[in-house]
Amino acid sequence: QVQLVESGGGLVQAGGSLRPSCAASGSIPSINVMGWYRQAPGKQRELVATITRRGSTNYADSVKGRFAISRDNAKNTVYLQMNGLKPEDTAVYYCNLVEIGTASSYWGRGAQVTVSS
């Protein structure tokens, strides 16, 4: 099993920045993709960004140019630098890890990000 724990969410004014992180522990598969998803009230969970162990990234169009995902493989930690935050970025942000080959997927409990106008 893999455990994911997010931290670093919070309340920020529009235009501000946050940098949540997610630490993975347990039986972490060697080949994996980590990422961030978000779910706003009344909406479906959506992709924010993903990153492979080699550093290949993928972003939702809505966050390109404002958010940057990174990871520290030695620490099994993934980060999401969020700049230029907008009220529409308000959501619960979930960390995800997918094992390549088996498609086993693990989720954190989520971190609330609230952007005030």
C-alpha atoms as a PDB file:
ATOM      1  CA  GLN A   1       0.000   0.000   0.000  1.00  0.00           C
ATOM      2  CA  VAL A   2       0.962   3.584  -0.623  1.00  0.00           C
ATOM      3  CA  GLN A   3       0.059   6.465   1.656  1.00  0.00           C
ATOM      4  CA  LEU A   4      -0.062  10.032   0.386  1.00  0.00           C
ATOM      5  CA  VAL A   5      -0.212  13.025   2.713  1.00  0.00           C
ATOM      6  CA  GLU A   6      -0.777  16.544   1.413  1.00  0.00           C
ATOM      7  CA  SER A   7       0.203  19.730   3.191  1.00  0.00           C
ATOM      8  CA  GLY A   8       0.492  23.396   2.372  1.00  0.00           C
ATOM      9  CA  GLY A   9      -3.021  24.314   1.359  1.00  0.00           C
ATOM     10  CA  GLY A  10      -4.652  27.414   2.753  1.00  0.00           C
ATOM     11  CA  LEU A  11      -6.360  30.733   2.164  1.00  0.00           C
ATOM     12  CA  VAL A  12      -4.810  33.311  -0.134  1.00  0.00           C
ATOM     13  CA  GLN A  13      -5.916  36.453  -1.941  1.00  0.00           C
ATOM     14  CA  ALA A  14      -6.299  36.523  -5.701  1.00  0.00           C
ATOM     15  CA  GLY A  15      -2.915  36.950  -7.345  1.00  0.00           C
ATOM     16  CA  GLY A  16      -1.133  35.240  -4.498  1.00  0.00           C
ATOM     17  CA  SER A  17       0.869  32.021  -4.356  1.00  0.00           C
ATOM     18  CA  LEU A  18       0.837  28.697  -2.544  1.00  0.00           C
ATOM     19  CA  ARG A  19       3.067  25.651  -2.702  1.00  0.00           C
ATOM     20  CA  PRO A  20       1.379  22.512  -1.448  1.00  0.00           C
ATOM     21  CA  SER A  21       3.396  19.332  -1.150  1.00  0.00           C
ATOM     22  CA  CYS A  22       2.591  15.631  -1.015  1.00  0.00           C
ATOM     23  CA  ALA A  23       4.740  13.001   0.630  1.00  0.00           C
ATOM     24  CA  ALA A  24       4.418   9.358  -0.350  1.00  0.00           C
ATOM     25  CA  SER A  25       5.266   6.479   1.949  1.00  0.00           C
ATOM     26  CA  GLY A  26       4.813   2.726   2.086  1.00  0.00           C
ATOM     27  CA  SER A  27       5.411   0.305  -0.784  1.00  0.00           C
ATOM     28  CA  ILE A  28       6.070   2.884  -3.477  1.00  0.00           C
ATOM     29  CA  PRO A  29       6.344   1.399  -6.970  1.00  0.00           C
ATOM     30  CA  SER A  30       9.584   2.262  -8.728  1.00  0.00           C
ATOM     31  CA  ILE A  31       7.862   3.321 -11.955  1.00  0.00           C
ATOM     32  CA  ASN A  32       5.128   5.789 -11.233  1.00  0.00           C
ATOM     33  CA  VAL A  33       3.501   9.040 -12.152  1.00  0.00           C
ATOM     34  CA  MET A  34       2.539  11.513  -9.451  1.00  0.00           C
ATOM     35  CA  GLY A  35       0.109  14.311  -9.887  1.00  0.00           C
ATOM     36  CA  TRP A  36      -2.392  16.776  -8.532  1.00  0.00           C
ATOM     37  CA  TYR A  37      -6.111  16.838  -9.149  1.00  0.00           C
ATOM     38  CA  ARG A  38      -8.727  19.195  -7.790  1.00  0.00           C
ATOM     39  CA  GLN A  39     -12.415  19.182  -7.049  1.00  0.00           C
ATOM     40  CA  ALA A  40     -14.473  22.307  -6.592  1.00  0.00           C
ATOM     41  CA  PRO A  41     -17.887  22.230  -4.900  1.00  0.00           C
ATOM     42  CA  GLY A  42     -20.504  20.752  -7.221  1.00  0.00           C
ATOM     43  CA  LYS A  43     -17.948  19.819  -9.864  1.00  0.00           C
ATOM     44  CA  GLN A  44     -16.136  16.677 -10.908  1.00  0.00           C
ATOM     45  CA  ARG A  45     -12.546  16.028  -9.958  1.00  0.00           C
ATOM     46  CA  GLU A  46     -10.206  17.286 -12.671  1.00  0.00           C
ATOM     47  CA  LEU A  47      -6.563  16.974 -13.599  1.00  0.00           C
ATOM     48  CA  VAL A  48      -4.257  19.807 -12.614  1.00  0.00           C
ATOM     49  CA  ALA A  49      -0.798  18.438 -13.421  1.00  0.00           C
ATOM     50  CA  THR A  50       1.233  15.238 -13.512  1.00  0.00           C
ATOM     51  CA  ILE A  51       4.932  14.416 -13.485  1.00  0.00           C
ATOM     52  CA  THR A  52       6.889  11.242 -14.181  1.00  0.00           C
ATOM     53  CA  ARG A  53       9.955  10.147 -12.242  1.00  0.00           C
ATOM     54  CA  ARG A  54      12.055  11.466 -15.123  1.00  0.00           C
ATOM     55  CA  GLY A  55      10.410  14.863 -14.883  1.00  0.00           C
ATOM     56  CA  SER A  56       8.066  14.842 -17.842  1.00  0.00           C
ATOM     57  CA  THR A  57       5.108  17.065 -17.031  1.00  0.00           C
ATOM     58  CA  ASN A  58       1.546  17.555 -18.180  1.00  0.00           C
ATOM     59  CA  TYR A  59      -0.770  20.437 -17.270  1.00  0.00           C
ATOM     60  CA  ALA A  60      -4.407  21.340 -17.595  1.00  0.00           C
ATOM     61  CA  ASP A  61      -4.860  24.265 -19.961  1.00  0.00           C
ATOM     62  CA  SER A  62      -6.422  26.314 -17.164  1.00  0.00           C
ATOM     63  CA  VAL A  63      -3.197  26.328 -15.120  1.00  0.00           C
ATOM     64  CA  LYS A  64      -0.504  26.446 -17.810  1.00  0.00           C
ATOM     65  CA  GLY A  65       1.881  29.297 -17.218  1.00  0.00           C
ATOM     66  CA  ARG A  66       0.720  29.767 -13.616  1.00  0.00           C
ATOM     67  CA  PHE A  67       1.357  26.418 -11.907  1.00  0.00           C
ATOM     68  CA  ALA A  68       4.514  24.302 -11.879  1.00  0.00           C
ATOM     69  CA  ILE A  69       4.735  20.704 -10.689  1.00  0.00           C
ATOM     70  CA  SER A  70       8.012  19.221  -9.464  1.00  0.00           C
ATOM     71  CA  ARG A  71       9.154  16.214  -7.515  1.00  0.00           C
ATOM     72  CA  ASP A  72      12.006  15.048  -5.322  1.00  0.00           C
ATOM     73  CA  ASN A  73      12.417  11.333  -5.967  1.00  0.00           C
ATOM     74  CA  ALA A  74      14.786  10.901  -3.024  1.00  0.00           C
ATOM     75  CA  LYS A  75      12.087  12.228  -0.703  1.00  0.00           C
ATOM     76  CA  ASN A  76       9.160  10.682  -2.595  1.00  0.00           C
ATOM     77  CA  THR A  77       7.571  14.102  -2.562  1.00  0.00           C
ATOM     78  CA  VAL A  78       5.746  16.087  -5.210  1.00  0.00           C
ATOM     79  CA  TYR A  79       5.160  19.844  -5.127  1.00  0.00           C
ATOM     80  CA  LEU A  80       2.779  22.209  -6.847  1.00  0.00           C
ATOM     81  CA  GLN A  81       3.912  25.815  -7.115  1.00  0.00           C
ATOM     82  CA  MET A  82       0.778  27.857  -7.706  1.00  0.00           C
ATOM     83  CA  ASN A  83       1.221  31.463  -8.771  1.00  0.00           C
ATOM     84  CA  GLY A  84      -1.289  34.022  -9.950  1.00  0.00           C
ATOM     85  CA  LEU A  85      -4.082  32.272  -8.099  1.00  0.00           C
ATOM     86  CA  LYS A  86      -7.648  33.051  -9.111  1.00  0.00           C
ATOM     87  CA  PRO A  87     -10.924  32.542  -7.215  1.00  0.00           C
ATOM     88  CA  GLU A  88     -11.786  29.792  -9.704  1.00  0.00           C
ATOM     89  CA  ASP A  89      -8.766  27.845  -8.444  1.00  0.00           C
ATOM     90  CA  THR A  90     -10.603  27.320  -5.163  1.00  0.00           C
ATOM     91  CA  ALA A  91     -10.967  23.580  -4.611  1.00  0.00           C
ATOM     92  CA  VAL A  92      -9.769  20.603  -2.641  1.00  0.00           C
ATOM     93  CA  TYR A  93      -6.461  19.546  -4.148  1.00  0.00           C
ATOM     94  CA  TYR A  94      -5.733  15.826  -4.162  1.00  0.00           C
ATOM     95  CA  CYS A  95      -2.389  14.122  -4.600  1.00  0.00           C
ATOM     96  CA  ASN A  96      -2.326  11.023  -6.789  1.00  0.00           C
ATOM     97  CA  LEU A  97       0.183   8.285  -7.558  1.00  0.00           C
ATOM     98  CA  VAL A  98      -0.284   5.807 -10.396  1.00  0.00           C
ATOM     99  CA  GLU A  99       1.853   2.726 -10.830  1.00  0.00           C
ATOM    100  CA  ILE A 100       2.803   2.339 -14.475  1.00  0.00           C
ATOM    101  CA  GLY A 101       2.013  -1.117 -15.794  1.00  0.00           C
ATOM    102  CA  THR A 102      -0.653  -2.043 -13.259  1.00  0.00           C
ATOM    103  CA  ALA A 103      -2.575   1.248 -13.214  1.00  0.00           C
ATOM    104  CA  SER A 104      -2.923   0.953  -9.456  1.00  0.00           C
ATOM    105  CA  SER A 105      -3.930   4.379  -8.243  1.00  0.00           C
ATOM    106  CA  TYR A 106      -3.586   5.951  -4.823  1.00  0.00           C
ATOM    107  CA  TRP A 107      -5.048   9.166  -3.448  1.00  0.00           C
ATOM    108  CA  GLY A 108      -4.346  11.500  -0.583  1.00  0.00           C
ATOM    109  CA  ARG A 109      -7.088  12.940   1.586  1.00  0.00           C
ATOM    110  CA  GLY A 110      -6.867  16.353  -0.019  1.00  0.00           C
ATOM    111  CA  ALA A 111      -5.850  19.872   0.927  1.00  0.00           C
ATOM    112  CA  GLN A 112      -8.216  22.830   0.782  1.00  0.00           C
ATOM    113  CA  VAL A 113      -7.109  25.799  -1.288  1.00  0.00           C
ATOM    114  CA  THR A 114      -9.278  28.892  -1.082  1.00  0.00           C
ATOM    115  CA  VAL A 115      -8.633  31.995  -3.160  1.00  0.00           C
ATOM    116  CA  SER A 116     -10.497  35.131  -2.146  1.00  0.00           C
ATOM    117  CA  SER A 117     -11.294  37.925  -4.576  1.00  0.00           C
END
